[in-house]
Amino acid sequence: MDDYSFEAIQDDERRAFKNKVVAEGYVWNEEMDMAEHRAIAIKVLKHTLSTDLHVHHINHNKQNNSPCNLIVLTALAHEIVHICDMFCPLPFRSYLRKPENLLKFLNDARIWYEYVGER
């Protein structure tokens, strides 16, 4: 999974990266020069995010950058959520697309996360 953040990339690489992020359907934040969902998480949580942390769209809508639709996960936890979404039965996939259910699942599985919504 891509992280959609970059601190040490050269200008040409940054432009190419931005184009890739936008082409994949994510919104770009020009002011912070990063994907919008990461920018919102940083603003709401009031701390930077290391490059090994991913910001996941709970309902899988890349255009919905509402804080209540965003959760910060480790790369492994992010991968687990997407594997569940690909291979679990449809009722469970639908269940995990609701914030309260995803948080319960992560708590029960003892997976670290930081919820961006409801501050």
C-alpha atoms as a PDB file:
ATOM      1  CA  MET A   1       0.000   0.000   0.000  1.00  0.00           C
ATOM      2  CA  ASP A   2       1.237   3.473  -0.789  1.00  0.00           C
ATOM      3  CA  ASP A   3       1.558   5.954   2.044  1.00  0.00           C
ATOM      4  CA  TYR A   4       0.776   9.110   0.028  1.00  0.00           C
ATOM      5  CA  SER A   5       3.224  11.186   2.004  1.00  0.00           C
ATOM      6  CA  PHE A   6       6.677  12.337   1.165  1.00  0.00           C
ATOM      7  CA  GLU A   7       9.207  14.468   2.895  1.00  0.00           C
ATOM      8  CA  ALA A   8      12.494  13.818   1.105  1.00  0.00           C
ATOM      9  CA  ILE A   9      11.448  13.568  -2.548  1.00  0.00           C
ATOM     10  CA  GLN A  10      12.890  15.913  -5.194  1.00  0.00           C
ATOM     11  CA  ASP A  11      10.633  18.375  -7.084  1.00  0.00           C
ATOM     12  CA  ASP A  12      10.230  16.243 -10.237  1.00  0.00           C
ATOM     13  CA  GLU A  13       9.464  13.203  -8.125  1.00  0.00           C
ATOM     14  CA  ARG A  14       7.030  15.237  -6.019  1.00  0.00           C
ATOM     15  CA  ARG A  15       5.121  16.365  -9.122  1.00  0.00           C
ATOM     16  CA  ALA A  16       4.980  12.799 -10.433  1.00  0.00           C
ATOM     17  CA  PHE A  17       3.831  11.576  -7.035  1.00  0.00           C
ATOM     18  CA  LYS A  18       1.119  14.248  -6.850  1.00  0.00           C
ATOM     19  CA  ASN A  19      -0.128  13.256 -10.313  1.00  0.00           C
ATOM     20  CA  LYS A  20      -0.258   9.587  -9.238  1.00  0.00           C
ATOM     21  CA  VAL A  21      -2.233  10.405  -6.079  1.00  0.00           C
ATOM     22  CA  VAL A  22      -4.726  12.557  -8.015  1.00  0.00           C
ATOM     23  CA  ALA A  23      -5.007   9.941 -10.791  1.00  0.00           C
ATOM     24  CA  GLU A  24      -5.890   7.318  -8.164  1.00  0.00           C
ATOM     25  CA  GLY A  25      -8.849   9.465  -7.097  1.00  0.00           C
ATOM     26  CA  TYR A  26      -7.483  11.189  -4.001  1.00  0.00           C
ATOM     27  CA  VAL A  27      -7.874  14.920  -3.379  1.00  0.00           C
ATOM     28  CA  TRP A  28      -4.652  16.952  -3.232  1.00  0.00           C
ATOM     29  CA  ASN A  29      -4.085  19.702  -0.638  1.00  0.00           C
ATOM     30  CA  GLU A  30      -2.049  22.408  -2.386  1.00  0.00           C
ATOM     31  CA  GLU A  31      -1.392  24.386   0.803  1.00  0.00           C
ATOM     32  CA  MET A  32       0.222  21.448   2.647  1.00  0.00           C
ATOM     33  CA  ASP A  33       1.498  19.799  -0.574  1.00  0.00           C
ATOM     34  CA  MET A  34       0.135  16.357   0.317  1.00  0.00           C
ATOM     35  CA  ALA A  35      -2.944  14.192  -0.056  1.00  0.00           C
ATOM     36  CA  GLU A  36      -5.960  15.893   1.544  1.00  0.00           C
ATOM     37  CA  HIS A  37      -6.823  13.005   3.873  1.00  0.00           C
ATOM     38  CA  ARG A  38      -3.324  13.145   5.422  1.00  0.00           C
ATOM     39  CA  ALA A  39      -3.510  16.938   5.717  1.00  0.00           C
ATOM     40  CA  ILE A  40      -6.857  16.731   7.534  1.00  0.00           C
ATOM     41  CA  ALA A  41      -5.594  14.035   9.899  1.00  0.00           C
ATOM     42  CA  ILE A  42      -2.543  16.161  10.744  1.00  0.00           C
ATOM     43  CA  LYS A  43      -4.651  19.288  11.328  1.00  0.00           C
ATOM     44  CA  VAL A  44      -7.251  17.533  13.492  1.00  0.00           C
ATOM     45  CA  LEU A  45      -4.830  15.387  15.498  1.00  0.00           C
ATOM     46  CA  LYS A  46      -2.422  18.328  15.853  1.00  0.00           C
ATOM     47  CA  HIS A  47       0.702  16.286  15.211  1.00  0.00           C
ATOM     48  CA  THR A  48       2.676  15.086  12.228  1.00  0.00           C
ATOM     49  CA  LEU A  49       2.365  11.551  10.917  1.00  0.00           C
ATOM     50  CA  SER A  50       5.420   9.434  10.288  1.00  0.00           C
ATOM     51  CA  THR A  51       5.671   7.915   6.833  1.00  0.00           C
ATOM     52  CA  ASP A  52       4.934   4.437   8.238  1.00  0.00           C
ATOM     53  CA  LEU A  53       1.433   5.547   9.259  1.00  0.00           C
ATOM     54  CA  HIS A  54      -1.414   5.433   6.746  1.00  0.00           C
ATOM     55  CA  VAL A  55      -4.665   7.401   6.751  1.00  0.00           C
ATOM     56  CA  HIS A  56      -7.532   5.089   5.778  1.00  0.00           C
ATOM     57  CA  HIS A  57     -10.931   6.136   4.386  1.00  0.00           C
ATOM     58  CA  ILE A  58     -13.356   4.068   6.470  1.00  0.00           C
ATOM     59  CA  ASN A  59     -16.100   3.985   3.836  1.00  0.00           C
ATOM     60  CA  HIS A  60     -13.501   3.572   1.035  1.00  0.00           C
ATOM     61  CA  ASN A  61     -14.673   6.794  -0.667  1.00  0.00           C
ATOM     62  CA  LYS A  62     -11.424   8.625  -1.494  1.00  0.00           C
ATOM     63  CA  GLN A  63     -13.352  11.878  -1.992  1.00  0.00           C
ATOM     64  CA  ASN A  64     -14.891  11.785   1.516  1.00  0.00           C
ATOM     65  CA  ASN A  65     -12.244  13.442   3.671  1.00  0.00           C
ATOM     66  CA  SER A  66     -14.511  14.158   6.620  1.00  0.00           C
ATOM     67  CA  PRO A  67     -12.598  13.512   9.861  1.00  0.00           C
ATOM     68  CA  CYS A  68     -15.218  10.965  10.947  1.00  0.00           C
ATOM     69  CA  ASN A  69     -14.339   8.943   7.816  1.00  0.00           C
ATOM     70  CA  LEU A  70     -10.589   8.902   8.511  1.00  0.00           C
ATOM     71  CA  ILE A  71      -8.493   6.662  10.727  1.00  0.00           C
ATOM     72  CA  VAL A  72      -4.720   6.508  11.130  1.00  0.00           C
ATOM     73  CA  LEU A  73      -3.329   2.978  10.965  1.00  0.00           C
ATOM     74  CA  THR A  74       0.039   1.297  10.815  1.00  0.00           C
ATOM     75  CA  ALA A  75       0.881  -0.114   7.396  1.00  0.00           C
ATOM     76  CA  LEU A  76       0.150  -3.651   8.622  1.00  0.00           C
ATOM     77  CA  ALA A  77      -3.209  -2.710  10.149  1.00  0.00           C
ATOM     78  CA  HIS A  78      -4.126  -0.897   6.926  1.00  0.00           C
ATOM     79  CA  GLU A  79      -3.272  -4.013   4.947  1.00  0.00           C
ATOM     80  CA  ILE A  80      -5.412  -6.154   7.300  1.00  0.00           C
ATOM     81  CA  VAL A  81      -8.406  -3.852   6.809  1.00  0.00           C
ATOM     82  CA  HIS A  82      -8.063  -4.059   3.015  1.00  0.00           C
ATOM     83  CA  ILE A  83      -7.585  -7.842   3.069  1.00  0.00           C
ATOM     84  CA  CYS A  84     -10.789  -8.139   5.103  1.00  0.00           C
ATOM     85  CA  ASP A  85     -12.489  -5.936   2.545  1.00  0.00           C
ATOM     86  CA  MET A  86     -11.350  -8.155  -0.319  1.00  0.00           C
ATOM     87  CA  PHE A  87     -11.866 -11.613   1.132  1.00  0.00           C
ATOM     88  CA  CYS A  88     -14.482 -11.461   3.895  1.00  0.00           C
ATOM     89  CA  PRO A  89     -18.183 -12.062   3.187  1.00  0.00           C
ATOM     90  CA  LEU A  90     -20.137  -9.017   2.034  1.00  0.00           C
ATOM     91  CA  PRO A  91     -22.060  -8.524   5.312  1.00  0.00           C
ATOM     92  CA  PHE A  92     -18.770  -8.212   7.224  1.00  0.00           C
ATOM     93  CA  ARG A  93     -17.316  -5.829   4.628  1.00  0.00           C
ATOM     94  CA  SER A  94     -20.384  -3.609   4.943  1.00  0.00           C
ATOM     95  CA  TYR A  95     -20.090  -3.838   8.732  1.00  0.00           C
ATOM     96  CA  LEU A  96     -16.484  -2.584   8.662  1.00  0.00           C
ATOM     97  CA  ARG A  97     -17.417   0.475   6.573  1.00  0.00           C
ATOM     98  CA  LYS A  98     -19.152   2.081   9.565  1.00  0.00           C
ATOM     99  CA  PRO A  99     -16.755   3.960  11.879  1.00  0.00           C
ATOM    100  CA  GLU A 100     -18.070   2.515  15.144  1.00  0.00           C
ATOM    101  CA  ASN A 101     -17.832  -1.044  13.798  1.00  0.00           C
ATOM    102  CA  LEU A 102     -14.316  -0.631  12.420  1.00  0.00           C
ATOM    103  CA  LEU A 103     -13.165   0.840  15.754  1.00  0.00           C
ATOM    104  CA  LYS A 104     -14.712  -2.108  17.622  1.00  0.00           C
ATOM    105  CA  PHE A 105     -13.026  -4.567  15.242  1.00  0.00           C
ATOM    106  CA  LEU A 106      -9.636  -2.900  15.714  1.00  0.00           C
ATOM    107  CA  ASN A 107     -10.085  -2.775  19.508  1.00  0.00           C
ATOM    108  CA  ASP A 108     -11.110  -6.434  19.669  1.00  0.00           C
ATOM    109  CA  ALA A 109      -8.124  -7.408  17.508  1.00  0.00           C
ATOM    110  CA  ARG A 110      -5.851  -5.196  19.664  1.00  0.00           C
ATOM    111  CA  ILE A 111      -4.712  -3.276  16.578  1.00  0.00           C
ATOM    112  CA  TRP A 112      -3.351   0.237  17.164  1.00  0.00           C
ATOM    113  CA  TYR A 113      -5.174   3.126  15.513  1.00  0.00           C
ATOM    114  CA  GLU A 114      -5.915   6.810  15.996  1.00  0.00           C
ATOM    115  CA  TYR A 115      -9.433   7.892  15.053  1.00  0.00           C
ATOM    116  CA  VAL A 116      -9.555  11.353  13.459  1.00  0.00           C
ATOM    117  CA  GLY A 117     -13.268  12.034  14.034  1.00  0.00           C
ATOM    118  CA  GLU A 118     -15.152  13.102  17.159  1.00  0.00           C
ATOM    119  CA  ARG A 119     -12.590  15.309  18.871  1.00  0.00           C
END
